[in-house]
């Protein structure tokens, strides 16, 4: 096992490119990209607004005409082009600035002065730019009061007449660009986040496809459970009605049910070969679907004429009572029995709908490890062994507490549930080593909640046979003398399929 793990670390853990997984990862993290985009956009808007310096412009238009020889349109156009640069130098010269500053009573001119020719005309436009409208207007008036004397010497062959007088600007000529900065910042930050999400998902060493189980994990694959939609219609999505994915539900897909029939066959083969009765179902992390797998495996085993008990051994965060629709019913929980507050006949539920025994939890307990390792737990499993054919125990995730290992010491076999692209391979292999060292033999893993990873992916299930539902008769109270397990025998050879 160690050799395989080292080999996998050296050469097997090359990440494949799975576009659909990356797309789903991006969709799942859109909220993060949106949140970052909003934050960065707001900061960019605030920053651009804080750095914004408004500019105000006044513009004065001059008409250029040639003084001598009877001016023509052509000569006026040529004169305007020729004097444009000279006039710009004049109005922006040090002499002009000193005169303007003296007229305004300041040390320097707080603005910019420039002149340019309006294309295809004999018009020159004088532009003054300042940081406030009053300064822009006053500077313009000062230039107009002083340009004549300077221009007369340099531009003696032409005359300049004012066509449009300046006016006080009422709004800035430039914008802050805050909205543009906010948009660019939001788009850039969202793109960076999504690229980071994709890169992180690509480099994440997890079990992404079925082939990765054999390449990366030190365990046999028992079944691949493909994703099954919990809500089948828009109405159910809007109502968010609490609903479990069970093979007894008529709306559950055939492929999903068929997978658990195959899983049951493989687990049953191991049980008959090894004489096993107690099966532990666990996972490494939370939300990998172990409770749903345990419940459906118990239902599938029950349909093969097996007296089955499903036990919720997850006393930190019990979930089977919700999956089996017992959250609103009155019953004694497993912690009540282990604490001595309730007897077995009060704890064991003989369910008529699912036609199997249930021992469920209610609320989480801080003493879960103490209860799991108690003599009462050993006695519970001992009595179950004597009276039923199969006991399926749902345990807490191995990363949460040592309860799974404690229960595995009391069981005969264990199954590890691995959710697609969730748990790091190294952590899974460490959990596999831990389970392999327990008394319960690790049968294999269930690759759970699998979705297509590549655009060319497809999967199919075998079909055939009619699927019927048989019945068990459980007594009201429990094992042995309480009548549990004394159901009426069916015809030999008859097997009730999923």
Protein backbone atom coordinates (compact mmCIF):
# COMPACT_ATOMS: atom_id res chain seq x y z
CA UNK A 1 0.00 0.00 0.00
CA UNK A 2 2.83 2.37 0.87
CA UNK A 3 4.58 1.54 -2.40
CA UNK A 4 1.45 2.43 -4.36
CA UNK A 5 1.08 5.68 -2.44
CA UNK A 6 4.69 6.69 -3.10
CA UNK A 7 4.36 5.76 -6.73
CA UNK A 8 1.19 7.81 -7.00
CA UNK A 9 2.85 10.80 -5.37
CA UNK A 10 5.79 10.61 -7.76
CA UNK A 11 4.07 10.03 -11.04
CA UNK A 12 0.35 9.35 -10.82
CA UNK A 13 -0.84 12.65 -9.38
CA UNK A 14 -0.60 14.53 -12.65
CA UNK A 15 -3.69 16.70 -12.85
CA UNK A 16 -5.87 16.26 -15.91
CA UNK A 17 -7.75 19.09 -17.56
CA UNK A 18 -11.47 18.68 -16.91
CA UNK A 19 -13.31 21.70 -18.35
CA UNK A 20 -16.76 20.94 -16.93
CA UNK A 21 -15.39 20.66 -13.41
CA UNK A 22 -13.63 23.99 -13.84
CA UNK A 23 -16.80 25.61 -15.20
CA UNK A 24 -18.85 24.30 -12.27
CA UNK A 25 -16.16 25.51 -9.89
CA UNK A 26 -16.37 28.99 -11.42
CA UNK A 27 -20.17 28.98 -11.24
CA UNK A 28 -20.01 27.93 -7.61
CA UNK A 29 -17.59 30.78 -6.85
CA UNK A 30 -19.43 33.48 -8.79
CA UNK A 31 -20.61 34.91 -5.49
CA UNK A 32 -16.98 35.37 -4.44
CA UNK A 33 -16.06 37.01 -7.75
CA UNK A 34 -19.12 39.28 -7.46
CA UNK A 35 -18.28 40.24 -3.87
CA UNK A 36 -14.66 41.04 -4.75
CA UNK A 37 -15.80 42.96 -7.84
CA UNK A 38 -18.17 45.10 -5.76
CA UNK A 39 -15.51 45.83 -3.13
CA UNK A 40 -12.77 46.66 -5.63
CA UNK A 41 -15.20 48.67 -7.77
CA UNK A 42 -16.24 50.76 -4.76
CA UNK A 43 -12.61 51.32 -3.73
CA UNK A 44 -11.68 52.31 -7.29
CA UNK A 45 -14.61 54.73 -7.41
CA UNK A 46 -13.63 56.30 -4.09
CA UNK A 47 -9.96 56.49 -5.10
CA UNK A 48 -10.67 58.05 -8.48
CA UNK A 49 -13.04 60.56 -6.87
CA UNK A 50 -10.45 61.48 -4.23
CA UNK A 51 -7.72 62.01 -6.85
CA UNK A 52 -9.98 63.94 -9.20
CA UNK A 53 -8.97 67.53 -9.96
CA UNK A 54 -11.65 69.41 -11.91
CA UNK A 55 -10.60 71.62 -14.81
CA UNK A 56 -12.54 74.57 -16.18
CA UNK A 57 -12.00 75.98 -19.65
CA UNK A 58 -12.88 79.22 -21.33
CA UNK A 59 -12.59 79.57 -25.08
CA UNK A 60 -12.30 82.68 -27.23
CA UNK A 61 -12.48 82.55 -31.02
CA UNK A 62 -10.50 84.95 -33.28
CA UNK A 63 -10.96 85.62 -36.98
CA UNK A 64 -7.69 85.96 -38.91
CA UNK A 65 -7.56 88.24 -41.96
CA UNK A 66 -4.72 89.58 -44.11
CA UNK A 67 -4.25 93.36 -43.89
CA UNK A 68 -2.77 94.26 -47.30
CA UNK A 69 -3.57 93.47 -50.87
CA UNK A 70 -7.27 92.65 -50.56
CA UNK A 71 -7.63 89.51 -48.57
CA UNK A 72 -9.05 86.34 -50.06
CA UNK A 73 -10.36 83.21 -48.45
CA UNK A 74 -7.25 81.32 -49.47
CA UNK A 75 -4.90 83.92 -48.08
CA UNK A 76 -6.88 84.12 -44.83
CA UNK A 77 -6.70 80.33 -44.39
CA UNK A 78 -2.99 80.30 -45.09
CA UNK A 79 -2.41 83.21 -42.71
CA UNK A 80 -4.34 81.44 -39.92
CA UNK A 81 -2.16 78.34 -40.26
CA UNK A 82 1.03 80.39 -40.35
CA UNK A 83 0.34 82.52 -37.31
CA UNK A 84 -1.20 79.82 -35.14
CA UNK A 85 2.08 78.70 -33.66
CA UNK A 86 3.32 82.26 -33.29
CA UNK A 87 0.15 83.38 -31.57
CA UNK A 88 0.30 80.35 -29.22
CA UNK A 89 3.87 81.27 -28.28
CA UNK A 90 2.83 84.84 -27.63
CA UNK A 91 -0.09 84.05 -25.30
CA UNK A 92 1.95 81.40 -23.46
CA UNK A 93 5.14 83.42 -23.24
CA UNK A 94 6.74 84.54 -20.00
CA UNK A 95 6.07 88.17 -20.87
CA UNK A 96 2.35 87.48 -21.26
CA UNK A 97 2.24 85.47 -18.03
CA UNK A 98 3.95 88.26 -16.11
CA UNK A 99 1.46 90.81 -17.43
CA UNK A 100 -1.50 88.55 -16.66
CA UNK A 101 -0.19 87.85 -13.14
CA UNK A 102 0.36 91.55 -12.56
CA UNK A 103 -3.17 92.36 -13.68
CA UNK A 104 -4.62 89.63 -11.48
CA UNK A 105 -2.43 90.69 -8.55
CA UNK A 106 -0.83 87.26 -8.11
CA UNK A 107 2.70 85.90 -8.22
CA UNK A 108 2.01 83.48 -11.05
CA UNK A 109 -0.69 82.43 -13.50
CA UNK A 110 -2.62 79.50 -12.07
CA UNK A 111 -3.66 78.00 -15.36
CA UNK A 112 -2.63 76.97 -18.87
CA UNK A 113 -2.95 79.13 -21.99
CA UNK A 114 -2.89 77.74 -25.53
CA UNK A 115 -4.07 78.59 -29.04
CA UNK A 116 -4.92 76.41 -32.05
CA UNK A 117 -6.40 76.72 -35.54
CA UNK A 118 -9.87 75.34 -36.19
CA UNK A 119 -9.39 72.96 -39.11
CA UNK A 120 -10.34 74.20 -42.59
CA UNK A 121 -11.11 77.72 -41.31
CA UNK A 122 -9.35 81.01 -40.70
CA UNK A 123 -10.35 80.86 -37.03
CA UNK A 124 -8.00 80.59 -34.07
CA UNK A 125 -9.29 79.40 -30.71
CA UNK A 126 -7.74 80.65 -27.48
CA UNK A 127 -8.19 78.20 -24.61
CA UNK A 128 -7.49 78.91 -20.93
CA UNK A 129 -7.61 76.05 -18.43
CA UNK A 130 -7.71 76.58 -14.64
CA UNK A 131 -8.81 74.73 -11.53
CA UNK A 132 -11.86 76.93 -10.94
CA UNK A 133 -14.23 78.80 -13.29
CA UNK A 134 -13.46 82.28 -11.93
CA UNK A 135 -9.71 81.92 -12.47
CA UNK A 136 -10.23 80.62 -16.01
CA UNK A 137 -12.39 83.61 -16.91
CA UNK A 138 -10.15 86.23 -15.29
CA UNK A 139 -7.02 84.83 -16.96
CA UNK A 140 -8.80 84.93 -20.32
CA UNK A 141 -9.82 88.57 -19.81
CA UNK A 142 -6.28 89.46 -18.83
CA UNK A 143 -4.88 87.80 -21.98
CA UNK A 144 -7.36 89.66 -24.15
CA UNK A 145 -6.35 92.95 -22.51
CA UNK A 146 -2.64 92.37 -23.18
CA UNK A 147 -2.30 90.29 -26.36
CA UNK A 148 -2.82 93.22 -28.75
CA UNK A 149 0.43 95.02 -28.00
CA UNK A 150 2.51 91.85 -28.21
CA UNK A 151 0.74 90.53 -31.30
CA UNK A 152 1.05 93.81 -33.18
CA UNK A 153 4.83 93.49 -33.37
CA UNK A 154 4.96 89.79 -34.23
CA UNK A 155 1.87 89.60 -36.40
CA UNK A 156 1.92 92.93 -38.24
CA UNK A 157 0.62 91.51 -41.53
CA UNK A 158 -2.66 90.14 -40.13
CA UNK A 159 -5.47 91.32 -37.95
CA UNK A 160 -7.20 89.37 -35.20
CA UNK A 161 -10.81 90.11 -34.43
CA UNK A 162 -12.74 88.50 -31.63
CA UNK A 163 -15.59 86.41 -32.98
CA UNK A 164 -16.75 84.82 -29.73
CA UNK A 165 -16.29 86.39 -26.34
CA UNK A 166 -15.33 84.19 -23.37
CA UNK A 167 -17.86 83.25 -20.71
CA UNK A 168 -17.60 81.86 -17.22
CA UNK A 169 -17.68 78.01 -17.41
CA UNK A 170 -20.42 76.43 -15.34
CA UNK A 171 -19.12 72.85 -15.28
CA UNK A 172 -15.75 71.08 -15.42
CA UNK A 173 -14.40 70.20 -18.84
CA UNK A 174 -12.98 66.92 -17.54
CA UNK A 175 -14.68 64.07 -15.71
CA UNK A 176 -13.42 62.22 -12.66
CA UNK A 177 -13.47 58.86 -14.49
CA UNK A 178 -14.66 57.33 -11.22
CA UNK A 179 -17.37 55.23 -12.84
CA UNK A 180 -15.00 54.00 -15.54
CA UNK A 181 -12.38 53.17 -12.92
CA UNK A 182 -15.00 51.32 -10.89
CA UNK A 183 -16.08 49.26 -13.91
CA UNK A 184 -12.52 48.42 -14.93
CA UNK A 185 -11.59 47.57 -11.35
CA UNK A 186 -14.65 45.35 -10.92
CA UNK A 187 -14.08 43.50 -14.20
CA UNK A 188 -10.36 43.05 -13.59
CA UNK A 189 -10.80 41.83 -10.01
CA UNK A 190 -13.60 39.42 -10.95
CA UNK A 191 -11.45 38.03 -13.76
CA UNK A 192 -8.49 37.57 -11.42
CA UNK A 193 -10.68 35.78 -8.87
CA UNK A 194 -12.15 33.40 -11.47
CA UNK A 195 -8.71 32.66 -12.92
CA UNK A 196 -7.43 32.00 -9.41
CA UNK A 197 -10.40 29.71 -8.71
CA UNK A 198 -9.77 27.77 -11.93
CA UNK A 199 -6.05 27.46 -11.27
CA UNK A 200 -6.64 26.33 -7.70
CA UNK A 201 -9.23 23.77 -8.86
CA UNK A 202 -6.90 22.49 -11.58
CA UNK A 203 -3.97 22.06 -9.20
CA UNK A 204 -6.09 20.57 -6.40
CA UNK A 205 -5.06 16.94 -5.94
CA UNK A 206 -8.45 15.33 -5.51
CA UNK A 207 -10.38 12.46 -7.06
CA UNK A 208 -11.92 14.14 -10.08
CA UNK A 209 -12.91 11.19 -12.29
CA UNK A 210 -13.50 7.47 -11.80
CA UNK A 211 -10.09 6.60 -13.21
CA UNK A 212 -8.46 8.60 -10.40
CA UNK A 213 -9.74 6.10 -7.83
CA UNK A 214 -7.51 3.35 -9.18
CA UNK A 215 -4.60 5.68 -9.90
CA UNK A 216 -4.54 7.65 -6.67
CA UNK A 217 -6.29 5.70 -3.92
CA UNK A 218 -5.23 2.55 -2.09
CA UNK A 219 -8.71 1.05 -2.17
CA UNK A 220 -11.07 -0.75 -4.50
CA UNK A 221 -13.94 1.10 -6.14
CA UNK A 222 -17.30 -0.40 -5.17
CA UNK A 223 -19.63 1.96 -7.01
CA UNK A 224 -19.80 5.30 -8.76
CA UNK A 225 -22.91 7.22 -7.71
CA UNK A 226 -23.71 9.91 -10.22
CA UNK A 227 -25.32 13.18 -9.23
CA UNK A 228 -29.05 12.95 -8.66
CA UNK A 229 -31.09 16.13 -8.63
CA UNK A 230 -32.91 16.64 -5.37
CA UNK A 231 -35.51 18.97 -6.87
CA UNK A 232 -37.11 17.62 -10.06
CA UNK A 233 -39.20 20.64 -11.03
CA UNK A 234 -39.17 24.42 -10.85
CA UNK A 235 -42.01 24.26 -8.34
CA UNK A 236 -39.93 22.13 -5.98
CA UNK A 237 -36.94 24.45 -6.39
CA UNK A 238 -39.03 27.50 -5.49
CA UNK A 239 -40.66 25.83 -2.52
CA UNK A 240 -37.40 24.26 -1.35
CA UNK A 241 -39.37 21.41 0.10
CA UNK A 242 -37.29 19.17 2.34
CA UNK A 243 -36.62 16.04 0.41
CA UNK A 244 -34.22 13.12 0.67
CA UNK A 245 -32.81 11.15 -2.25
CA UNK A 246 -33.88 7.59 -1.48
CA UNK A 247 -34.32 4.65 -3.82
CA UNK A 248 -37.81 4.11 -2.40
CA UNK A 249 -38.92 7.46 -3.77
CA UNK A 250 -40.75 6.94 -7.10
CA UNK A 251 -39.21 10.12 -8.52
CA UNK A 252 -35.65 8.93 -7.93
CA UNK A 253 -33.90 8.13 -11.20
CA UNK A 254 -33.50 4.55 -12.37
CA UNK A 255 -29.73 4.98 -12.79
CA UNK A 256 -29.37 6.06 -9.16
CA UNK A 257 -31.35 3.06 -7.91
CA UNK A 258 -29.47 0.69 -10.20
CA UNK A 259 -26.16 1.88 -8.76
CA UNK A 260 -27.21 0.94 -5.24
CA UNK A 261 -28.45 -2.45 -6.44
CA UNK A 262 -24.98 -3.12 -7.79
CA UNK A 263 -23.38 -1.78 -4.62
CA UNK A 264 -25.61 -4.05 -2.55
CA UNK A 265 -24.58 -7.06 -4.64
CA UNK A 266 -20.89 -6.41 -4.05
CA UNK A 267 -21.30 -5.71 -0.34
CA UNK A 268 -23.53 -8.77 0.08
CA UNK A 269 -20.92 -10.96 -1.65
CA UNK A 270 -18.28 -9.79 0.80
CA UNK A 271 -20.60 -10.33 3.76
CA UNK A 272 -21.39 -13.91 2.74
CA UNK A 273 -17.76 -14.71 2.02
CA UNK A 274 -16.44 -13.20 5.26
CA UNK A 275 -19.44 -13.92 7.46
CA UNK A 276 -19.82 -10.20 8.13
CA UNK A 277 -22.91 -8.53 9.51
CA UNK A 278 -21.95 -5.06 10.75
CA UNK A 279 -21.02 -2.51 8.06
CA UNK A 280 -19.65 0.95 8.89
CA UNK A 281 -20.19 3.76 6.35
CA UNK A 282 -17.96 6.81 6.84
CA UNK A 283 -16.16 9.61 5.01
CA UNK A 284 -13.20 11.87 5.58
CA UNK A 285 -14.95 15.24 5.50
CA UNK A 286 -18.47 16.50 6.10
CA UNK A 287 -21.00 16.79 3.29
CA UNK A 288 -19.61 13.92 1.24
CA UNK A 289 -22.96 12.13 1.26
CA UNK A 290 -22.15 9.23 3.61
CA UNK A 291 -25.52 9.35 5.38
CA UNK A 292 -27.43 9.17 2.08
CA UNK A 293 -25.22 6.28 0.94
CA UNK A 294 -25.75 4.46 4.25
CA UNK A 295 -29.54 4.91 4.08
CA UNK A 296 -29.82 3.73 0.48
CA UNK A 297 -27.48 0.80 1.02
CA UNK A 298 -29.65 -0.29 3.97
CA UNK A 299 -32.79 0.00 1.85
CA UNK A 300 -31.16 -1.96 -0.97
CA UNK A 301 -29.96 -4.70 1.41
CA UNK A 302 -33.41 -4.85 2.95
CA UNK A 303 -34.91 -5.66 -0.43
CA UNK A 304 -32.83 -8.77 -0.77
CA UNK A 305 -34.82 -10.44 1.99
CA UNK A 306 -32.45 -9.17 4.65
CA UNK A 307 -33.44 -8.20 8.15
CA UNK A 308 -31.67 -4.84 8.29
CA UNK A 309 -31.10 -2.26 10.99
CA UNK A 310 -29.87 1.20 10.11
CA UNK A 311 -28.08 2.88 13.03
CA UNK A 312 -27.12 6.56 13.20
CA UNK A 313 -23.72 6.40 14.89
CA UNK A 314 -23.01 10.05 14.11
CA UNK A 315 -23.79 11.43 17.55
CA UNK A 316 -22.11 14.75 16.90
CA UNK A 317 -24.28 15.76 13.97
CA UNK A 318 -27.00 13.15 13.34
CA UNK A 319 -28.61 13.28 9.91
CA UNK A 320 -30.44 9.99 9.32
CA UNK A 321 -33.56 11.16 11.14
CA UNK A 322 -33.92 13.90 8.49
CA UNK A 323 -33.19 11.56 5.60
CA UNK A 324 -35.67 8.97 6.87
CA UNK A 325 -38.25 11.70 7.61
CA UNK A 326 -38.32 11.36 11.39
CA UNK A 327 -37.42 14.93 12.33
CA UNK A 328 -40.99 15.72 13.41
CA UNK A 329 -41.72 12.42 15.15
CA UNK A 330 -41.36 11.37 18.75
CA UNK A 331 -38.86 8.62 19.50
CA UNK A 332 -36.00 7.78 21.84
CA UNK A 333 -32.61 8.57 20.32
CA UNK A 334 -29.52 6.39 20.41
CA UNK A 335 -27.90 8.69 22.98
CA UNK A 336 -30.88 8.11 25.28
CA UNK A 337 -30.29 4.36 25.07
CA UNK A 338 -26.52 4.62 25.57
CA UNK A 339 -27.07 6.92 28.58
CA UNK A 340 -29.50 4.43 30.06
CA UNK A 341 -32.46 6.79 29.78
CA UNK A 342 -34.38 4.53 27.40
CA UNK A 343 -34.62 0.82 26.74
CA UNK A 344 -34.00 -0.98 23.49
CA UNK A 345 -37.71 -1.44 22.81
CA UNK A 346 -38.15 2.34 22.99
CA UNK A 347 -35.11 3.10 20.85
CA UNK A 348 -35.53 0.58 18.05
CA UNK A 349 -38.06 1.82 15.50
CA UNK A 350 -39.79 -0.85 13.44
CA UNK A 351 -40.58 1.25 10.39
CA UNK A 352 -43.54 -0.01 8.33
CA UNK A 353 -42.86 2.22 5.34
CA UNK A 354 -39.23 1.26 4.86
CA UNK A 355 -39.82 -2.15 6.46
CA UNK A 356 -36.61 -2.23 8.43
CA UNK A 357 -35.31 -1.31 11.85
CA UNK A 358 -34.08 2.19 12.63
CA UNK A 359 -32.03 3.48 15.54
CA UNK A 360 -31.75 7.21 15.03
CA UNK A 361 -30.25 10.23 16.71
CA UNK A 362 -31.87 13.53 17.61
CA UNK A 363 -29.38 16.16 18.67
CA UNK A 364 -25.61 16.29 18.72
CA UNK A 365 -23.79 15.26 21.88
CA UNK A 366 -20.48 16.53 23.26
CA UNK A 367 -19.94 13.08 24.80
CA UNK A 368 -20.15 11.20 21.51
CA UNK A 369 -16.76 9.47 21.82
CA UNK A 370 -17.53 8.40 25.38
CA UNK A 371 -20.88 6.98 24.31
CA UNK A 372 -19.48 5.19 21.27
CA UNK A 373 -16.81 3.49 23.35
CA UNK A 374 -19.22 2.58 26.16
CA UNK A 375 -20.23 -1.00 27.06
CA UNK A 376 -23.80 -0.08 26.08
CA UNK A 377 -22.68 0.41 22.48
CA UNK A 378 -20.97 -2.95 22.46
CA UNK A 379 -24.08 -4.57 23.87
CA UNK A 380 -26.25 -2.87 21.26
CA UNK A 381 -24.17 -4.24 18.40
CA UNK A 382 -23.94 -7.68 20.06
CA UNK A 383 -27.72 -7.99 20.28
CA UNK A 384 -28.05 -6.78 16.70
CA UNK A 385 -25.65 -9.46 15.50
CA UNK A 386 -27.70 -12.17 17.15
CA UNK A 387 -31.05 -11.11 15.74
CA UNK A 388 -30.66 -9.55 12.29
CA UNK A 389 -28.85 -10.24 9.04
CA UNK A 390 -27.28 -6.85 8.39
CA UNK A 391 -26.44 -3.77 10.46
CA UNK A 392 -25.52 -0.55 8.63
CA UNK A 393 -23.95 2.12 10.85
CA UNK A 394 -23.53 5.73 9.73
CA UNK A 395 -20.57 7.33 11.55
CA UNK A 396 -19.18 10.86 11.89
CA UNK A 397 -16.57 12.01 9.36
CA UNK A 398 -13.12 10.82 10.30
CA UNK A 399 -11.73 14.36 10.30
CA UNK A 400 -14.29 15.46 12.90
CA UNK A 401 -13.76 12.88 15.64
CA UNK A 402 -12.30 9.42 16.34
CA UNK A 403 -15.81 7.98 16.65
CA UNK A 404 -15.61 6.27 13.25
CA UNK A 405 -12.48 4.33 14.26
CA UNK A 406 -14.08 3.35 17.58
CA UNK A 407 -17.18 1.99 15.84
CA UNK A 408 -15.02 0.31 13.19
CA UNK A 409 -13.39 -1.74 15.97
CA UNK A 410 -16.84 -3.16 16.76
CA UNK A 411 -17.82 -3.78 13.13
CA UNK A 412 -16.94 -6.41 10.52
CA UNK A 413 -16.43 -4.23 7.45
CA UNK A 414 -16.24 -0.57 6.46
CA UNK A 415 -17.03 1.52 3.39
CA UNK A 416 -15.48 4.90 2.66
CA UNK A 417 -17.55 7.50 0.80
CA UNK A 418 -15.47 9.83 -1.39
CA UNK A 419 -17.16 12.81 -2.97
CA UNK A 420 -15.95 14.00 -6.37
CA UNK A 421 -13.29 16.72 -6.30
CA UNK A 422 -13.63 17.43 -2.59
CA UNK A 423 -11.07 15.76 -0.33
CA UNK A 424 -7.29 15.84 -0.96
CA UNK A 425 -5.92 12.48 -2.08
CA UNK A 426 -3.30 12.39 0.67
CA UNK A 427 -5.95 12.84 3.36
CA UNK A 428 -8.10 10.08 1.82
CA UNK A 429 -5.17 7.66 1.73
CA UNK A 430 -4.37 8.45 5.37
CA UNK A 431 -7.99 7.64 6.26
CA UNK A 432 -7.78 4.42 4.25
CA UNK A 433 -4.69 3.38 6.22
CA UNK A 434 -6.50 4.13 9.47
CA UNK A 435 -9.57 2.09 8.50
CA UNK A 436 -7.39 -0.76 7.24
CA UNK A 437 -5.76 -0.99 10.66
CA UNK A 438 -9.15 -1.32 12.40
CA UNK A 439 -10.99 -4.55 13.09
CA UNK A 440 -13.51 -3.81 10.34
CA UNK A 441 -12.06 -4.75 6.96
CA UNK A 442 -12.21 -1.93 4.43
CA UNK A 443 -14.28 -3.31 1.54
CA UNK A 444 -13.79 -0.33 -0.76
CA UNK A 445 -14.99 3.17 -1.53
CA UNK A 446 -18.10 4.71 -3.06
CA UNK A 447 -17.29 7.53 -5.48
CA UNK A 448 -20.19 9.84 -4.75
CA UNK A 449 -22.08 12.74 -6.35
CA UNK A 450 -20.17 12.40 -9.61
CA UNK A 451 -20.83 14.81 -12.47
CA UNK A 452 -19.39 14.84 -15.97
CA UNK A 453 -15.87 16.23 -15.91
CA UNK A 454 -15.19 16.51 -19.64
CA UNK A 455 -17.25 17.62 -22.61
CA UNK A 456 -17.13 14.12 -24.09
CA UNK A 457 -18.14 12.39 -20.87
CA UNK A 458 -21.11 10.08 -20.83
CA UNK A 459 -22.26 7.26 -18.65
CA UNK A 460 -24.82 4.56 -18.95
CA UNK A 461 -26.35 1.90 -16.80
CA UNK A 462 -27.50 -1.54 -17.60
CA UNK A 463 -31.20 -2.12 -17.64
CA UNK A 464 -33.56 -4.99 -17.41
CA UNK A 465 -35.84 -6.68 -15.04
CA UNK A 466 -38.87 -5.42 -13.23
CA UNK A 467 -38.34 -3.71 -9.97
CA UNK A 468 -40.81 -4.52 -7.23
CA UNK A 469 -41.07 -3.81 -3.56
CA UNK A 470 -41.61 -6.63 -1.09
CA UNK A 471 -42.52 -6.41 2.54
CA UNK A 472 -41.07 -7.17 5.94
CA UNK A 473 -42.97 -7.51 9.17
CA UNK A 474 -41.31 -5.98 12.18
CA UNK A 475 -42.71 -6.14 15.64
CA UNK A 476 -43.36 -3.08 17.62
CA UNK A 477 -40.42 -3.32 19.96
CA UNK A 478 -37.20 -4.98 18.85
CA UNK A 479 -34.84 -7.89 18.87
CA UNK A 480 -35.30 -11.50 19.89
CA UNK A 481 -37.99 -11.84 22.49
CA UNK A 482 -39.57 -8.61 21.25
CA UNK A 483 -40.22 -10.29 17.91
CA UNK A 484 -37.67 -8.45 15.77
CA UNK A 485 -36.50 -10.50 12.81
CA UNK A 486 -39.31 -13.10 12.92
CA UNK A 487 -40.79 -12.16 9.59
CA UNK A 488 -42.56 -14.49 7.24
CA UNK A 489 -40.22 -16.23 4.78
CA UNK A 490 -40.57 -15.60 1.08
CA UNK A 491 -40.26 -18.24 -1.56
CA UNK A 492 -36.71 -19.55 -1.96
CA UNK A 493 -34.82 -17.86 -4.76
CA UNK A 494 -37.04 -14.81 -4.90
CA UNK A 495 -35.05 -11.59 -4.74
CA UNK A 496 -36.60 -8.22 -4.50
CA UNK A 497 -34.61 -5.82 -6.62
CA UNK A 498 -34.27 -2.07 -6.35
